[in-house]
Each structure stands twice: as structure tokens, then as C-alpha cells.
Amino acid sequence: MKPGKTGIIRILHATRYSIKGLKAAWLFEAAFRQEVLLFILLVPILVLAPLALAERLLMFLSLSGLLITELLNSAVEAVVDRIGADFHELSARAKDIASAAVFLAIIQFIIVWAALLCQL
């Protein structure tokens, strides 16, 4: 293990870096902003819809999973873009695979929400 901060100090620093990452995603990633706005619009449905706790949690997890996947996609894109603008097959593959992960998260979100809301 490399030397460095430990305990609560490490947790505080990690939290600061995480907040910095969320701010960067908000500032530089339009897709992330759109998905956060979708999140804000849909959370009231979770609160108001007559659903069981497990159903609410499943809907919340599919929605937050989309945000998490978008953050990871943005991180992959940033690293690949940092390496260089020249086309490379592996760079394109990394970006395409990360994009595919977002696509699957969107499909999962739609299926979960449609299935649970259609039963109402």
C-alpha cells in the first residue's frame, strides 16, 4: 500500500475529489446534465406513485445507475481524448464500449420504469 492520508482525512479528501468530479461532469458533459435533469424530474414519481419499497428502490437504482454509467463513460472519453486526437482503433473501441454501456443503462432504465409504471 502506498503511503498517504488515512482514516477520516482520506475520506474527506476522497469526498472533495468526488464533488470536484461531479462539478466537472456538470460543466463539461451535456449528456450528464440532461440525465441529472431527468433524475430531478422523475424522483417525484418515486415519492408519489403508489409503489412498494422494493419497486421504488429498483426504479431509483436504474435511474442512478444511468448517471453512474454516464460518469464512467465521460471518464473514459476524457482519458482517451487526453492521449491524443489521432485516430487509433483501440481508442475508438474504448469510447464505443463506454457508449454501449450507457446505451444498455438507458434500455434498463426504460424497461424497469415502463414495467413498474404500467402496472399502476
C-alpha atoms as a PDB file:
ATOM      1  CA  MET A   1       0.000   0.000   0.000  1.00  0.00           C
ATOM      2  CA  LYS A   2       1.387   3.393  -0.918  1.00  0.00           C
ATOM      3  CA  PRO A   3       1.907   5.941   1.827  1.00  0.00           C
ATOM      4  CA  GLY A   4      -0.601   8.732   2.120  1.00  0.00           C
ATOM      5  CA  LYS A   5      -3.544  10.011   4.036  1.00  0.00           C
ATOM      6  CA  THR A   6      -5.527   7.547   6.113  1.00  0.00           C
ATOM      7  CA  GLY A   7      -8.706   7.413   8.147  1.00  0.00           C
ATOM      8  CA  ILE A   8     -11.160  10.269   8.170  1.00  0.00           C
ATOM      9  CA  ILE A   9      -8.689  12.606   6.413  1.00  0.00           C
ATOM     10  CA  ARG A  10      -8.544  10.241   3.436  1.00  0.00           C
ATOM     11  CA  ILE A  11     -12.346  10.054   3.360  1.00  0.00           C
ATOM     12  CA  LEU A  12     -12.610  13.855   3.436  1.00  0.00           C
ATOM     13  CA  HIS A  13     -10.122  14.211   0.584  1.00  0.00           C
ATOM     14  CA  ALA A  14     -11.863  11.491  -1.433  1.00  0.00           C
ATOM     15  CA  THR A  15     -15.187  13.259  -0.911  1.00  0.00           C
ATOM     16  CA  ARG A  16     -13.694  16.536  -2.108  1.00  0.00           C
ATOM     17  CA  TYR A  17     -12.358  14.830  -5.260  1.00  0.00           C
ATOM     18  CA  SER A  18     -15.751  13.221  -5.878  1.00  0.00           C
ATOM     19  CA  ILE A  19     -17.542  16.563  -5.626  1.00  0.00           C
ATOM     20  CA  LYS A  20     -14.936  18.061  -7.957  1.00  0.00           C
ATOM     21  CA  GLY A  21     -15.685  15.253 -10.425  1.00  0.00           C
ATOM     22  CA  LEU A  22     -19.427  15.870 -10.244  1.00  0.00           C
ATOM     23  CA  LYS A  23     -18.855  19.578 -10.888  1.00  0.00           C
ATOM     24  CA  ALA A  24     -16.617  18.789 -13.875  1.00  0.00           C
ATOM     25  CA  ALA A  25     -19.210  16.403 -15.305  1.00  0.00           C
ATOM     26  CA  TRP A  26     -21.903  19.060 -14.908  1.00  0.00           C
ATOM     27  CA  LEU A  27     -19.764  21.751 -16.558  1.00  0.00           C
ATOM     28  CA  PHE A  28     -18.350  19.744 -19.450  1.00  0.00           C
ATOM     29  CA  GLU A  29     -20.788  16.901 -20.199  1.00  0.00           C
ATOM     30  CA  ALA A  30     -24.135  17.804 -21.775  1.00  0.00           C
ATOM     31  CA  ALA A  31     -25.413  14.218 -21.536  1.00  0.00           C
ATOM     32  CA  PHE A  32     -24.735  14.193 -17.790  1.00  0.00           C
ATOM     33  CA  ARG A  33     -26.648  17.459 -17.342  1.00  0.00           C
ATOM     34  CA  GLN A  34     -29.590  16.040 -19.300  1.00  0.00           C
ATOM     35  CA  GLU A  35     -29.626  12.878 -17.207  1.00  0.00           C
ATOM     36  CA  VAL A  36     -29.424  14.860 -13.946  1.00  0.00           C
ATOM     37  CA  LEU A  37     -32.421  16.913 -15.073  1.00  0.00           C
ATOM     38  CA  LEU A  38     -34.249  13.679 -15.932  1.00  0.00           C
ATOM     39  CA  PHE A  39     -33.382  12.420 -12.456  1.00  0.00           C
ATOM     40  CA  ILE A  40     -34.765  15.600 -10.850  1.00  0.00           C
ATOM     41  CA  LEU A  41     -37.973  15.341 -12.897  1.00  0.00           C
ATOM     42  CA  LEU A  42     -38.551  11.656 -12.150  1.00  0.00           C
ATOM     43  CA  VAL A  43     -37.732  11.475  -8.441  1.00  0.00           C
ATOM     44  CA  PRO A  44     -41.152  12.956  -7.508  1.00  0.00           C
ATOM     45  CA  ILE A  45     -42.778   9.995  -9.280  1.00  0.00           C
ATOM     46  CA  LEU A  46     -40.849   7.687  -6.955  1.00  0.00           C
ATOM     47  CA  VAL A  47     -42.194   9.597  -3.989  1.00  0.00           C
ATOM     48  CA  LEU A  48     -45.796   9.955  -5.159  1.00  0.00           C
ATOM     49  CA  ALA A  49     -46.516   6.741  -7.074  1.00  0.00           C
ATOM     50  CA  PRO A  50     -48.307   4.006  -5.134  1.00  0.00           C
ATOM     51  CA  LEU A  51     -45.438   1.530  -5.272  1.00  0.00           C
ATOM     52  CA  ALA A  52     -43.860  -0.905  -2.849  1.00  0.00           C
ATOM     53  CA  LEU A  53     -40.480  -0.022  -1.364  1.00  0.00           C
ATOM     54  CA  ALA A  54     -38.715  -2.663  -3.464  1.00  0.00           C
ATOM     55  CA  GLU A  55     -40.252  -1.223  -6.633  1.00  0.00           C
ATOM     56  CA  ARG A  56     -39.199   2.296  -5.685  1.00  0.00           C
ATOM     57  CA  LEU A  57     -35.688   1.103  -4.990  1.00  0.00           C
ATOM     58  CA  LEU A  58     -35.495  -0.729  -8.305  1.00  0.00           C
ATOM     59  CA  MET A  59     -36.613   2.406 -10.140  1.00  0.00           C
ATOM     60  CA  PHE A  60     -34.145   4.551  -8.179  1.00  0.00           C
ATOM     61  CA  LEU A  61     -31.285   2.151  -8.849  1.00  0.00           C
ATOM     62  CA  SER A  62     -31.990   2.031 -12.578  1.00  0.00           C
ATOM     63  CA  LEU A  63     -32.070   5.833 -12.721  1.00  0.00           C
ATOM     64  CA  SER A  64     -28.970   6.371 -10.588  1.00  0.00           C
ATOM     65  CA  GLY A  65     -27.236   3.566 -12.493  1.00  0.00           C
ATOM     66  CA  LEU A  66     -27.701   5.599 -15.643  1.00  0.00           C
ATOM     67  CA  LEU A  67     -25.960   8.571 -14.013  1.00  0.00           C
ATOM     68  CA  ILE A  68     -23.104   6.387 -12.779  1.00  0.00           C
ATOM     69  CA  THR A  69     -22.647   4.821 -16.199  1.00  0.00           C
ATOM     70  CA  GLU A  70     -22.605   8.260 -17.825  1.00  0.00           C
ATOM     71  CA  LEU A  71     -19.897   9.395 -15.396  1.00  0.00           C
ATOM     72  CA  LEU A  72     -17.761   6.374 -16.265  1.00  0.00           C
ATOM     73  CA  ASN A  73     -18.339   6.956 -19.988  1.00  0.00           C
ATOM     74  CA  SER A  74     -17.254  10.571 -19.608  1.00  0.00           C
ATOM     75  CA  ALA A  75     -14.128   9.487 -17.721  1.00  0.00           C
ATOM     76  CA  VAL A  76     -13.166   7.046 -20.489  1.00  0.00           C
ATOM     77  CA  GLU A  77     -13.724   9.708 -23.134  1.00  0.00           C
ATOM     78  CA  ALA A  78     -11.621  12.244 -21.217  1.00  0.00           C
ATOM     79  CA  VAL A  79      -8.707   9.828 -20.827  1.00  0.00           C
ATOM     80  CA  VAL A  80      -8.827   8.782 -24.483  1.00  0.00           C
ATOM     81  CA  ASP A  81      -9.031  12.412 -25.635  1.00  0.00           C
ATOM     82  CA  ARG A  82      -6.109  13.286 -23.341  1.00  0.00           C
ATOM     83  CA  ILE A  83      -3.932  10.692 -25.068  1.00  0.00           C
ATOM     84  CA  GLY A  84      -4.337  12.406 -28.425  1.00  0.00           C
ATOM     85  CA  ALA A  85      -6.610  13.403 -31.257  1.00  0.00           C
ATOM     86  CA  ASP A  86      -5.117  10.946 -33.743  1.00  0.00           C
ATOM     87  CA  PHE A  87      -7.412   8.069 -34.633  1.00  0.00           C
ATOM     88  CA  HIS A  88      -6.479   4.780 -33.046  1.00  0.00           C
ATOM     89  CA  GLU A  89      -8.575   1.642 -33.249  1.00  0.00           C
ATOM     90  CA  LEU A  90      -8.232   0.918 -29.513  1.00  0.00           C
ATOM     91  CA  SER A  91      -9.221   4.469 -28.583  1.00  0.00           C
ATOM     92  CA  ALA A  92     -12.302   4.228 -30.771  1.00  0.00           C
ATOM     93  CA  ARG A  93     -13.112   0.817 -29.310  1.00  0.00           C
ATOM     94  CA  ALA A  94     -12.819   2.128 -25.726  1.00  0.00           C
ATOM     95  CA  LYS A  95     -15.131   5.046 -26.481  1.00  0.00           C
ATOM     96  CA  ASP A  96     -17.629   2.828 -28.305  1.00  0.00           C
ATOM     97  CA  ILE A  97     -17.713   0.283 -25.482  1.00  0.00           C
ATOM     98  CA  ALA A  98     -18.252   3.001 -22.869  1.00  0.00           C
ATOM     99  CA  SER A  99     -21.030   4.443 -25.025  1.00  0.00           C
ATOM    100  CA  ALA A 100     -22.575   0.983 -25.311  1.00  0.00           C
ATOM    101  CA  ALA A 101     -22.627   0.770 -21.505  1.00  0.00           C
ATOM    102  CA  VAL A 102     -24.649   4.000 -21.376  1.00  0.00           C
ATOM    103  CA  PHE A 103     -26.981   2.645 -24.067  1.00  0.00           C
ATOM    104  CA  LEU A 104     -27.605  -0.524 -22.037  1.00  0.00           C
ATOM    105  CA  ALA A 105     -28.196   1.544 -18.881  1.00  0.00           C
ATOM    106  CA  ILE A 106     -30.796   3.580 -20.783  1.00  0.00           C
ATOM    107  CA  ILE A 107     -32.524   0.407 -22.002  1.00  0.00           C
ATOM    108  CA  GLN A 108     -32.508  -1.000 -18.477  1.00  0.00           C
ATOM    109  CA  PHE A 109     -33.945   2.240 -17.102  1.00  0.00           C
ATOM    110  CA  ILE A 110     -36.743   2.281 -19.700  1.00  0.00           C
ATOM    111  CA  ILE A 111     -37.666  -1.371 -19.143  1.00  0.00           C
ATOM    112  CA  VAL A 112     -37.756  -1.059 -15.351  1.00  0.00           C
ATOM    113  CA  TRP A 113     -39.748   2.172 -15.314  1.00  0.00           C
ATOM    114  CA  ALA A 114     -42.170   1.037 -18.029  1.00  0.00           C
ATOM    115  CA  ALA A 115     -42.801  -2.317 -16.363  1.00  0.00           C
ATOM    116  CA  LEU A 116     -43.451  -0.815 -12.964  1.00  0.00           C
ATOM    117  CA  LEU A 117     -45.464   2.201 -14.068  1.00  0.00           C
ATOM    118  CA  CYS A 118     -47.619   0.171 -16.461  1.00  0.00           C
ATOM    119  CA  GLN A 119     -48.818  -1.990 -13.589  1.00  0.00           C
ATOM    120  CA  LEU A 120     -50.426   1.012 -11.869  1.00  0.00           C
END
